[in-house]
């Protein structure tokens, strides 16, 4: 965090992780229980949403690494 204050970095880090938390909660609370009913279309939707969640987590990890190593935000 060479370029930003710790408070600013924390606020910037909160955005992707808050999104991941909300998306993950909705996925676990709404999509997965319906998929467990066994309808093939719902299972496919749950798998696709799970893949999207995995991509969002990977992006949040990468973004967090960039923020913590001082590559973003500038200013």
C-alpha atoms as a PDB file:
ATOM      1  CA  UNK A   1       0.000   0.000   0.000  1.00  0.00           C
ATOM      2  CA  UNK A   2       2.614   2.465  -1.067  1.00  0.00           C
ATOM      3  CA  UNK A   3       0.289   4.826  -2.934  1.00  0.00           C
ATOM      4  CA  UNK A   4      -2.826   4.889  -0.792  1.00  0.00           C
ATOM      5  CA  UNK A   5      -3.713   5.272   2.843  1.00  0.00           C
ATOM      6  CA  UNK A   6      -4.683   2.103   4.700  1.00  0.00           C
ATOM      7  CA  UNK A   7      -8.246   3.411   5.113  1.00  0.00           C
ATOM      8  CA  UNK A   8      -8.635   4.047   1.378  1.00  0.00           C
ATOM      9  CA  UNK A   9      -7.223   0.614   0.571  1.00  0.00           C
ATOM     10  CA  UNK A  10      -9.655  -1.018   3.016  1.00  0.00           C
ATOM     11  CA  UNK A  11     -12.611   0.753   1.430  1.00  0.00           C
ATOM     12  CA  UNK A  12     -11.439  -0.224  -2.048  1.00  0.00           C
ATOM     13  CA  UNK A  13     -11.036  -3.851  -0.939  1.00  0.00           C
ATOM     14  CA  UNK A  14     -14.497  -3.920   0.592  1.00  0.00           C
ATOM     15  CA  UNK A  15     -16.301  -3.508  -2.742  1.00  0.00           C
ATOM     16  CA  UNK A  16     -15.352  -6.779  -4.476  1.00  0.00           C
ATOM     17  CA  UNK A  17     -15.529  -8.848  -1.301  1.00  0.00           C
ATOM     18  CA  UNK A  18     -18.943  -7.445  -0.359  1.00  0.00           C
ATOM     19  CA  UNK A  19     -20.198  -8.373  -3.819  1.00  0.00           C
ATOM     20  CA  UNK A  20     -18.733 -11.888  -3.500  1.00  0.00           C
ATOM     21  CA  UNK A  21     -20.342 -12.289  -0.072  1.00  0.00           C
ATOM     22  CA  UNK A  22     -23.790 -11.182  -1.273  1.00  0.00           C
ATOM     23  CA  UNK A  23     -23.596 -13.250  -4.469  1.00  0.00           C
ATOM     24  CA  UNK A  24     -22.383 -16.295  -2.526  1.00  0.00           C
ATOM     25  CA  UNK A  25     -25.122 -15.906   0.044  1.00  0.00           C
ATOM     26  CA  UNK A  26     -27.800 -15.687  -2.622  1.00  0.00           C
ATOM     27  CA  UNK A  27     -26.283 -18.653  -4.446  1.00  0.00           C
ATOM     28  CA  UNK A  28     -26.263 -20.774  -1.301  1.00  0.00           C
ATOM     29  CA  UNK A  29     -29.598 -19.557   0.007  1.00  0.00           C
ATOM     30  CA  UNK A  30     -31.685 -19.473  -3.163  1.00  0.00           C
ATOM     31  CA  UNK A  31     -30.088 -21.261  -6.088  1.00  0.00           C
ATOM     32  CA  UNK A  32     -28.560 -24.335  -4.469  1.00  0.00           C
ATOM     33  CA  UNK A  33     -31.678 -25.420  -2.510  1.00  0.00           C
ATOM     34  CA  UNK A  34     -33.777 -25.218  -5.678  1.00  0.00           C
ATOM     35  CA  UNK A  35     -31.155 -27.150  -7.640  1.00  0.00           C
ATOM     36  CA  UNK A  36     -31.269 -29.904  -5.025  1.00  0.00           C
ATOM     37  CA  UNK A  37     -34.858 -30.520  -6.108  1.00  0.00           C
ATOM     38  CA  UNK A  38     -33.266 -32.237  -9.080  1.00  0.00           C
ATOM     39  CA  UNK A  39     -34.706 -30.431 -12.089  1.00  0.00           C
ATOM     40  CA  UNK A  40     -32.031 -30.497 -14.810  1.00  0.00           C
ATOM     41  CA  UNK A  41     -32.476 -26.845 -15.808  1.00  0.00           C
ATOM     42  CA  UNK A  42     -32.083 -25.688 -12.205  1.00  0.00           C
ATOM     43  CA  UNK A  43     -28.992 -27.845 -11.765  1.00  0.00           C
ATOM     44  CA  UNK A  44     -27.453 -26.227 -14.856  1.00  0.00           C
ATOM     45  CA  UNK A  45     -28.311 -22.741 -13.593  1.00  0.00           C
ATOM     46  CA  UNK A  46     -26.777 -23.566 -10.209  1.00  0.00           C
ATOM     47  CA  UNK A  47     -23.594 -24.869 -11.833  1.00  0.00           C
ATOM     48  CA  UNK A  48     -23.328 -21.819 -14.066  1.00  0.00           C
ATOM     49  CA  UNK A  49     -23.874 -19.484 -11.112  1.00  0.00           C
ATOM     50  CA  UNK A  50     -21.280 -21.443  -9.136  1.00  0.00           C
ATOM     51  CA  UNK A  51     -18.786 -21.002 -11.958  1.00  0.00           C
ATOM     52  CA  UNK A  52     -19.536 -17.274 -11.999  1.00  0.00           C
ATOM     53  CA  UNK A  53     -18.984 -17.146  -8.232  1.00  0.00           C
ATOM     54  CA  UNK A  54     -15.618 -18.904  -8.621  1.00  0.00           C
ATOM     55  CA  UNK A  55     -14.601 -16.343 -11.262  1.00  0.00           C
ATOM     56  CA  UNK A  56     -15.673 -13.459  -9.012  1.00  0.00           C
ATOM     57  CA  UNK A  57     -13.621 -14.900  -6.142  1.00  0.00           C
ATOM     58  CA  UNK A  58     -10.557 -15.250  -8.377  1.00  0.00           C
ATOM     59  CA  UNK A  59     -10.997 -11.661  -9.571  1.00  0.00           C
ATOM     60  CA  UNK A  60     -11.407 -10.394  -5.988  1.00  0.00           C
ATOM     61  CA  UNK A  61      -8.235 -12.216  -4.919  1.00  0.00           C
ATOM     62  CA  UNK A  62      -6.278 -10.770  -7.834  1.00  0.00           C
ATOM     63  CA  UNK A  63      -7.625  -7.263  -7.253  1.00  0.00           C
ATOM     64  CA  UNK A  64      -6.898  -7.510  -3.520  1.00  0.00           C
ATOM     65  CA  UNK A  65      -3.332  -8.577  -4.236  1.00  0.00           C
ATOM     66  CA  UNK A  66      -2.876  -5.570  -6.523  1.00  0.00           C
ATOM     67  CA  UNK A  67      -4.245  -3.174  -3.897  1.00  0.00           C
ATOM     68  CA  UNK A  68      -2.122  -4.645  -1.100  1.00  0.00           C
ATOM     69  CA  UNK A  69       1.078  -4.516  -3.166  1.00  0.00           C
ATOM     70  CA  UNK A  70       0.473  -0.868  -4.045  1.00  0.00           C
ATOM     71  CA  UNK A  71      -0.309  -1.268  -7.732  1.00  0.00           C
ATOM     72  CA  UNK A  72      -3.799   0.194  -7.315  1.00  0.00           C
ATOM     73  CA  UNK A  73      -5.280   2.730  -6.508  1.00  0.00           C
ATOM     74  CA  UNK A  74      -2.963   5.479  -7.670  1.00  0.00           C
ATOM     75  CA  UNK A  75      -3.089   8.817  -5.993  1.00  0.00           C
END
